[in-house]
PDB file of all heavy atoms in Angstrom:
ATOM      1  N   MET A   1     114.257  97.715  97.985  1.00  0.00           N
ATOM      2  CA  MET A   1     114.476  98.092  99.374  1.00  0.00           C
ATOM      3  C   MET A   1     114.065  99.551  99.606  1.00  0.00           C
ATOM      4  O   MET A   1     113.598  99.897 100.638  1.00  0.00           O
ATOM      5  CB  MET A   1     115.940  97.844  99.746  1.00  0.00           C
ATOM      6  CG  MET A   1     116.316  96.408  99.925  1.00  0.00           C
ATOM      7  SD  MET A   1     115.183  95.498 101.019  1.00  0.00           S
ATOM      8  CE  MET A   1     115.354  96.359 102.533  1.00  0.00           C
ATOM      9  N   SER A   2     114.259 100.418  98.617  1.00  0.00           N
ATOM     10  CA  SER A   2     113.839 101.800  98.772  1.00  0.00           C
ATOM     11  C   SER A   2     112.308 101.857  98.850  1.00  0.00           C
ATOM     12  O   SER A   2     111.797 102.676  99.609  1.00  0.00           O
ATOM     13  CB  SER A   2     114.358 102.670  97.638  1.00  0.00           C
ATOM     14  OG  SER A   2     113.746 102.367  96.401  1.00  0.00           O
ATOM     15  N   VAL A   3     111.632 100.984  98.172  1.00  0.00           N
ATOM     16  CA  VAL A   3     110.123 100.888  98.324  1.00  0.00           C
ATOM     17  C   VAL A   3     109.831 100.388  99.669  1.00  0.00           C
ATOM     18  O   VAL A   3     108.875 100.992 100.363  1.00  0.00           O
ATOM     19  CB  VAL A   3     109.542  99.977  97.253  1.00  0.00           C
ATOM     20  CG1 VAL A   3     108.072  99.643  97.551  1.00  0.00           C
ATOM     21  CG2 VAL A   3     109.683 100.566  95.843  1.00  0.00           C
ATOM     22  N   ALA A   4     110.479  99.407 100.239  1.00  0.00           N
ATOM     23  CA  ALA A   4     110.168  98.890 101.537  1.00  0.00           C
ATOM     24  C   ALA A   4     110.424  99.932 102.627  1.00  0.00           C
ATOM     25  O   ALA A   4     109.613 100.151 103.504  1.00  0.00           O
ATOM     26  CB  ALA A   4     110.981  97.647 101.823  1.00  0.00           C
ATOM     27  N   VAL A   5     111.563 100.667 102.480  1.00  0.00           N
ATOM     28  CA  VAL A   5     111.831 101.692 103.493  1.00  0.00           C
ATOM     29  C   VAL A   5     110.863 102.905 103.343  1.00  0.00           C
ATOM     30  O   VAL A   5     110.302 103.349 104.360  1.00  0.00           O
ATOM     31  CB  VAL A   5     113.313 102.193 103.290  1.00  0.00           C
ATOM     32  CG1 VAL A   5     113.561 103.428 104.150  1.00  0.00           C
ATOM     33  CG2 VAL A   5     114.270 101.086 103.667  1.00  0.00           C
ATOM     34  N   GLY A   6     110.600 103.283 102.100  1.00  0.00           N
ATOM     35  CA  GLY A   6     109.688 104.451 101.881  1.00  0.00           C
ATOM     36  C   GLY A   6     108.288 104.117 102.331  1.00  0.00           C
ATOM     37  O   GLY A   6     107.627 105.012 102.886  1.00  0.00           O
ATOM     38  N   ALA A   7     107.850 102.917 102.140  1.00  0.00           N
ATOM     39  CA  ALA A   7     106.481 102.532 102.583  1.00  0.00           C
ATOM     40  C   ALA A   7     106.309 102.522 104.109  1.00  0.00           C
ATOM     41  O   ALA A   7     105.226 102.646 104.650  1.00  0.00           O
ATOM     42  CB  ALA A   7     106.096 101.225 102.001  1.00  0.00           C
ATOM     43  N   SER A   8     107.439 102.355 104.771  1.00  0.00           N
ATOM     44  CA  SER A   8     107.397 102.293 106.252  1.00  0.00           C
ATOM     45  C   SER A   8     107.598 103.692 106.899  1.00  0.00           C
ATOM     46  O   SER A   8     107.750 103.773 108.115  1.00  0.00           O
ATOM     47  CB  SER A   8     108.428 101.346 106.766  1.00  0.00           C
ATOM     48  OG  SER A   8     109.713 101.808 106.487  1.00  0.00           O
ATOM     49  N   LEU A   9     107.548 104.761 106.150  1.00  0.00           N
ATOM     50  CA  LEU A   9     107.846 106.088 106.688  1.00  0.00           C
ATOM     51  C   LEU A   9     106.681 107.084 106.439  1.00  0.00           C
ATOM     52  O   LEU A   9     106.931 108.190 106.019  1.00  0.00           O
ATOM     53  CB  LEU A   9     109.104 106.664 105.991  1.00  0.00           C
ATOM     54  CG  LEU A   9     110.366 105.831 106.167  1.00  0.00           C
ATOM     55  CD1 LEU A   9     111.507 106.401 105.398  1.00  0.00           C
ATOM     56  CD2 LEU A   9     110.801 105.756 107.633  1.00  0.00           C
ATOM     57  N   PRO A  10     105.480 106.756 106.826  1.00  0.00           N
ATOM     58  CA  PRO A  10     104.393 107.721 106.646  1.00  0.00           C
ATOM     59  C   PRO A  10     104.308 108.671 107.884  1.00  0.00           C
ATOM     60  O   PRO A  10     103.406 108.562 108.649  1.00  0.00           O
ATOM     61  CB  PRO A  10     103.140 106.868 106.542  1.00  0.00           C
ATOM     62  CG  PRO A  10     103.471 105.675 107.398  1.00  0.00           C
ATOM     63  CD  PRO A  10     104.969 105.477 107.222  1.00  0.00           C
ATOM     64  N   PHE A  11     105.240 109.565 107.905  1.00  0.00           N
ATOM     65  CA  PHE A  11     105.282 110.530 109.042  1.00  0.00           C
ATOM     66  C   PHE A  11     104.582 111.809 108.836  1.00  0.00           C
ATOM     67  O   PHE A  11     104.455 112.599 109.774  1.00  0.00           O
ATOM     68  CB  PHE A  11     106.791 110.825 109.355  1.00  0.00           C
ATOM     69  CG  PHE A  11     107.616 109.658 109.690  1.00  0.00           C
ATOM     70  CD1 PHE A  11     108.906 109.592 109.214  1.00  0.00           C
ATOM     71  CD2 PHE A  11     107.161 108.619 110.498  1.00  0.00           C
ATOM     72  CE1 PHE A  11     109.740 108.509 109.496  1.00  0.00           C
ATOM     73  CE2 PHE A  11     107.931 107.547 110.796  1.00  0.00           C
ATOM     74  CZ  PHE A  11     109.243 107.485 110.300  1.00  0.00           C
ATOM     75  N   LEU A  12     104.181 112.136 107.613  1.00  0.00           N
ATOM     76  CA  LEU A  12     103.669 113.443 107.304  1.00  0.00           C
ATOM     77  C   LEU A  12     102.182 113.638 107.508  1.00  0.00           C
ATOM     78  O   LEU A  12     101.747 114.789 107.561  1.00  0.00           O
ATOM     79  CB  LEU A  12     104.034 113.811 105.846  1.00  0.00           C
ATOM     80  CG  LEU A  12     105.494 113.824 105.524  1.00  0.00           C
ATOM     81  CD1 LEU A  12     105.730 114.151 104.040  1.00  0.00           C
ATOM     82  CD2 LEU A  12     106.241 114.812 106.360  1.00  0.00           C
ATOM     83  N   THR A  13     101.410 112.624 107.553  1.00  0.00           N
ATOM     84  CA  THR A  13      99.986 112.658 107.689  1.00  0.00           C
ATOM     85  C   THR A  13      99.504 111.628 108.713  1.00  0.00           C
ATOM     86  O   THR A  13     100.145 110.630 108.858  1.00  0.00           O
ATOM     87  CB  THR A  13      99.244 112.483 106.403  1.00  0.00           C
ATOM     88  OG1 THR A  13      99.421 111.165 105.955  1.00  0.00           O
ATOM     89  CG2 THR A  13      99.669 113.464 105.337  1.00  0.00           C
ATOM     90  N   PRO A  14      98.344 111.895 109.334  1.00  0.00           N
ATOM     91  CA  PRO A  14      97.802 110.919 110.255  1.00  0.00           C
ATOM     92  C   PRO A  14      97.210 109.718 109.566  1.00  0.00           C
ATOM     93  O   PRO A  14      96.983 108.682 110.133  1.00  0.00           O
ATOM     94  CB  PRO A  14      96.803 111.647 111.064  1.00  0.00           C
ATOM     95  CG  PRO A  14      96.425 112.852 110.226  1.00  0.00           C
ATOM     96  CD  PRO A  14      97.609 113.151 109.402  1.00  0.00           C
ATOM     97  N   ILE A  15      96.890 109.847 108.287  1.00  0.00           N
ATOM     98  CA  ILE A  15      96.207 108.767 107.585  1.00  0.00           C
ATOM     99  C   ILE A  15      97.158 107.764 106.979  1.00  0.00           C
ATOM    100  O   ILE A  15      96.770 106.725 106.377  1.00  0.00           O
ATOM    101  CB  ILE A  15      95.219 109.290 106.490  1.00  0.00           C
ATOM    102  CG1 ILE A  15      95.948 110.060 105.423  1.00  0.00           C
ATOM    103  CG2 ILE A  15      94.107 110.035 107.092  1.00  0.00           C
ATOM    104  CD1 ILE A  15      95.130 110.507 104.260  1.00  0.00           C
ATOM    105  N   GLY A  16      98.473 108.061 107.010  1.00  0.00           N
ATOM    106  CA  GLY A  16      99.432 107.161 106.357  1.00  0.00           C
ATOM    107  C   GLY A  16      99.549 105.804 107.055  1.00  0.00           C
ATOM    108  O   GLY A  16      99.919 104.800 106.398  1.00  0.00           O
ATOM    109  N   HIS A  17      99.402 105.805 108.383  1.00  0.00           N
ATOM    110  CA  HIS A  17      99.565 104.507 109.122  1.00  0.00           C
ATOM    111  C   HIS A  17      98.561 104.483 110.232  1.00  0.00           C
ATOM    112  O   HIS A  17      98.208 105.550 110.811  1.00  0.00           O
ATOM    113  CB  HIS A  17     100.969 104.358 109.626  1.00  0.00           C
ATOM    114  CG  HIS A  17     101.313 103.005 110.107  1.00  0.00           C
ATOM    115  ND1 HIS A  17     101.088 102.633 111.399  1.00  0.00           N
ATOM    116  CD2 HIS A  17     101.802 101.882 109.445  1.00  0.00           C
ATOM    117  CE1 HIS A  17     101.401 101.367 111.559  1.00  0.00           C
ATOM    118  NE2 HIS A  17     101.863 100.907 110.383  1.00  0.00           N
ATOM    119  N   GLN A  18      98.157 103.279 110.580  1.00  0.00           N
ATOM    120  CA  GLN A  18      97.165 103.141 111.620  1.00  0.00           C
ATOM    121  C   GLN A  18      97.540 103.703 112.960  1.00  0.00           C
ATOM    122  O   GLN A  18      96.710 104.306 113.650  1.00  0.00           O
ATOM    123  CB  GLN A  18      96.803 101.592 111.834  1.00  0.00           C
ATOM    124  CG  GLN A  18      96.381 100.883 110.610  1.00  0.00           C
ATOM    125  CD  GLN A  18      97.562 100.295 109.798  1.00  0.00           C
ATOM    126  OE1 GLN A  18      98.547 100.912 109.555  1.00  0.00           O
ATOM    127  NE2 GLN A  18      97.391  99.077 109.372  1.00  0.00           N
ATOM    128  N   SER A  19      98.789 103.574 113.302  1.00  0.00           N
ATOM    129  CA  SER A  19      99.247 104.105 114.602  1.00  0.00           C
ATOM    130  C   SER A  19      99.170 105.641 114.658  1.00  0.00           C
ATOM    131  O   SER A  19      98.921 106.213 115.686  1.00  0.00           O
ATOM    132  CB  SER A  19     100.672 103.608 114.930  1.00  0.00           C
ATOM    133  OG  SER A  19     101.559 104.021 113.907  1.00  0.00           O
ATOM    134  N   ASN A  20      99.429 106.282 113.520  1.00  0.00           N
ATOM    135  CA  ASN A  20      99.289 107.734 113.435  1.00  0.00           C
ATOM    136  C   ASN A  20      97.888 108.161 113.790  1.00  0.00           C
ATOM    137  O   ASN A  20      97.618 109.125 114.487  1.00  0.00           O
ATOM    138  CB  ASN A  20      99.684 108.240 112.054  1.00  0.00           C
ATOM    139  CG  ASN A  20     101.134 108.063 111.800  1.00  0.00           C
ATOM    140  OD1 ASN A  20     101.913 107.600 112.555  1.00  0.00           O
ATOM    141  ND2 ASN A  20     101.548 108.490 110.604  1.00  0.00           N
ATOM    142  N   VAL A  21      96.918 107.434 113.149  1.00  0.00           N
ATOM    143  CA  VAL A  21      95.531 107.772 113.381  1.00  0.00           C
ATOM    144  C   VAL A  21      95.075 107.462 114.807  1.00  0.00           C
ATOM    145  O   VAL A  21      94.328 108.239 115.405  1.00  0.00           O
ATOM    146  CB  VAL A  21      94.626 107.006 112.404  1.00  0.00           C
ATOM    147  CG1 VAL A  21      93.160 107.258 112.622  1.00  0.00           C
ATOM    148  CG2 VAL A  21      94.991 107.346 110.962  1.00  0.00           C
ATOM    149  N   LEU A  22      95.555 106.407 115.344  1.00  0.00           N
ATOM    150  CA  LEU A  22      95.143 105.968 116.716  1.00  0.00           C
ATOM    151  C   LEU A  22      95.589 106.948 117.799  1.00  0.00           C
ATOM    152  O   LEU A  22      94.904 107.081 118.797  1.00  0.00           O
ATOM    153  CB  LEU A  22      95.650 104.542 116.983  1.00  0.00           C
ATOM    154  CG  LEU A  22      95.014 103.430 116.180  1.00  0.00           C
ATOM    155  CD1 LEU A  22      95.691 102.090 116.457  1.00  0.00           C
ATOM    156  CD2 LEU A  22      93.555 103.336 116.427  1.00  0.00           C
ATOM    157  N   VAL A  23      96.753 107.586 117.611  1.00  0.00           N
ATOM    158  CA  VAL A  23      97.201 108.488 118.608  1.00  0.00           C
ATOM    159  C   VAL A  23      96.737 109.974 118.397  1.00  0.00           C
ATOM    160  O   VAL A  23      96.872 110.790 119.263  1.00  0.00           O
ATOM    161  CB  VAL A  23      98.752 108.525 118.747  1.00  0.00           C
ATOM    162  CG1 VAL A  23      99.298 107.146 119.084  1.00  0.00           C
ATOM    163  CG2 VAL A  23      99.388 109.004 117.464  1.00  0.00           C
ATOM    164  N   MET A  24      96.161 110.244 117.235  1.00  0.00           N
ATOM    165  CA  MET A  24      95.723 111.600 116.938  1.00  0.00           C
ATOM    166  C   MET A  24      94.693 112.123 117.885  1.00  0.00           C
ATOM    167  O   MET A  24      94.890 113.191 118.494  1.00  0.00           O
ATOM    168  CB  MET A  24      95.204 111.648 115.523  1.00  0.00           C
ATOM    169  CG  MET A  24      94.837 113.010 115.045  1.00  0.00           C
ATOM    170  SD  MET A  24      94.365 112.993 113.319  1.00  0.00           S
ATOM    171  CE  MET A  24      94.107 114.727 113.029  1.00  0.00           C
ATOM    172  N   GLY A  25      93.645 111.385 118.143  1.00  0.00           N
ATOM    173  CA  GLY A  25      92.575 111.829 119.035  1.00  0.00           C
ATOM    174  C   GLY A  25      92.996 111.898 120.476  1.00  0.00           C
ATOM    175  O   GLY A  25      92.931 112.970 121.142  1.00  0.00           O
ATOM    176  N   PRO A  26      93.519 110.777 121.036  1.00  0.00           N
ATOM    177  CA  PRO A  26      93.872 110.790 122.448  1.00  0.00           C
ATOM    178  C   PRO A  26      95.047 111.737 122.739  1.00  0.00           C
ATOM    179  O   PRO A  26      95.130 112.346 123.787  1.00  0.00           O
ATOM    180  CB  PRO A  26      94.360 109.351 122.736  1.00  0.00           C
ATOM    181  CG  PRO A  26      93.675 108.553 121.701  1.00  0.00           C
ATOM    182  CD  PRO A  26      93.541 109.398 120.526  1.00  0.00           C
ATOM    183  N   GLY A  27      95.988 111.967 121.760  1.00  0.00           N
ATOM    184  CA  GLY A  27      97.043 112.856 121.956  1.00  0.00           C
ATOM    185  C   GLY A  27      96.717 114.327 121.687  1.00  0.00           C
ATOM    186  O   GLY A  27      97.531 115.197 121.997  1.00  0.00           O
ATOM    187  N   GLY A  28      95.556 114.546 121.183  1.00  0.00           N
ATOM    188  CA  GLY A  28      95.115 115.943 120.889  1.00  0.00           C
ATOM    189  C   GLY A  28      95.877 116.557 119.726  1.00  0.00           C
ATOM    190  O   GLY A  28      96.017 117.807 119.620  1.00  0.00           O
ATOM    191  N   TYR A  29      96.405 115.716 118.774  1.00  0.00           N
ATOM    192  CA  TYR A  29      97.156 116.216 117.652  1.00  0.00           C
ATOM    193  C   TYR A  29      96.223 116.707 116.531  1.00  0.00           C
ATOM    194  O   TYR A  29      95.124 116.253 116.414  1.00  0.00           O
ATOM    195  CB  TYR A  29      98.021 115.112 117.069  1.00  0.00           C
ATOM    196  CG  TYR A  29      99.020 114.584 118.048  1.00  0.00           C
ATOM    197  CD1 TYR A  29      99.082 113.235 118.315  1.00  0.00           C
ATOM    198  CD2 TYR A  29      99.967 115.409 118.626  1.00  0.00           C
ATOM    199  CE1 TYR A  29      99.981 112.689 119.207  1.00  0.00           C
ATOM    200  CE2 TYR A  29     100.892 114.922 119.512  1.00  0.00           C
ATOM    201  CZ  TYR A  29     100.918 113.565 119.814  1.00  0.00           C
ATOM    202  OH  TYR A  29     101.793 113.060 120.661  1.00  0.00           O
ATOM    203  N   ARG A  30      96.705 117.713 115.792  1.00  0.00           N
ATOM    204  CA  ARG A  30      96.011 118.186 114.604  1.00  0.00           C
ATOM    205  C   ARG A  30      96.718 117.652 113.382  1.00  0.00           C
ATOM    206  O   ARG A  30      97.875 117.199 113.465  1.00  0.00           O
ATOM    207  CB  ARG A  30      95.919 119.709 114.591  1.00  0.00           C
ATOM    208  CG  ARG A  30      95.168 120.278 115.835  1.00  0.00           C
ATOM    209  CD  ARG A  30      95.164 121.743 115.766  1.00  0.00           C
ATOM    210  NE  ARG A  30      96.485 122.312 115.431  1.00  0.00           N
ATOM    211  CZ  ARG A  30      97.301 122.937 116.220  1.00  0.00           C
ATOM    212  NH1 ARG A  30      96.956 123.147 117.469  1.00  0.00           N
ATOM    213  NH2 ARG A  30      98.474 123.430 115.849  1.00  0.00           N
ATOM    214  N   PHE A  31      96.086 117.773 112.256  1.00  0.00           N
ATOM    215  CA  PHE A  31      96.674 117.244 110.993  1.00  0.00           C
ATOM    216  C   PHE A  31      98.061 117.872 110.744  1.00  0.00           C
ATOM    217  O   PHE A  31      99.024 117.199 110.440  1.00  0.00           O
ATOM    218  CB  PHE A  31      95.747 117.534 109.847  1.00  0.00           C
ATOM    219  CG  PHE A  31      95.999 116.719 108.634  1.00  0.00           C
ATOM    220  CD1 PHE A  31      95.355 115.522 108.433  1.00  0.00           C
ATOM    221  CD2 PHE A  31      96.880 117.182 107.629  1.00  0.00           C
ATOM    222  CE1 PHE A  31      95.627 114.767 107.291  1.00  0.00           C
ATOM    223  CE2 PHE A  31      97.111 116.453 106.506  1.00  0.00           C
ATOM    224  CZ  PHE A  31      96.549 115.233 106.332  1.00  0.00           C
ATOM    225  N   GLN A  32      98.148 119.161 110.934  1.00  0.00           N
ATOM    226  CA  GLN A  32      99.423 119.898 110.674  1.00  0.00           C
ATOM    227  C   GLN A  32     100.530 119.549 111.661  1.00  0.00           C
ATOM    228  O   GLN A  32     101.708 119.792 111.360  1.00  0.00           O
ATOM    229  CB  GLN A  32      99.213 121.411 110.563  1.00  0.00           C
ATOM    230  CG  GLN A  32      98.723 122.036 111.795  1.00  0.00           C
ATOM    231  CD  GLN A  32      97.232 122.160 111.875  1.00  0.00           C
ATOM    232  OE1 GLN A  32      96.482 121.415 111.199  1.00  0.00           O
ATOM    233  NE2 GLN A  32      96.723 123.041 112.704  1.00  0.00           N
TER     234      GLN A  32
END
């Protein structure tokens, strides 16, 4: 369960999850 929870928490980079990458350009976000 810690693996399942940990895998669902890619909040630190835009490449961790598809949704992070998808909002990066339109939202004007930078990597940091």
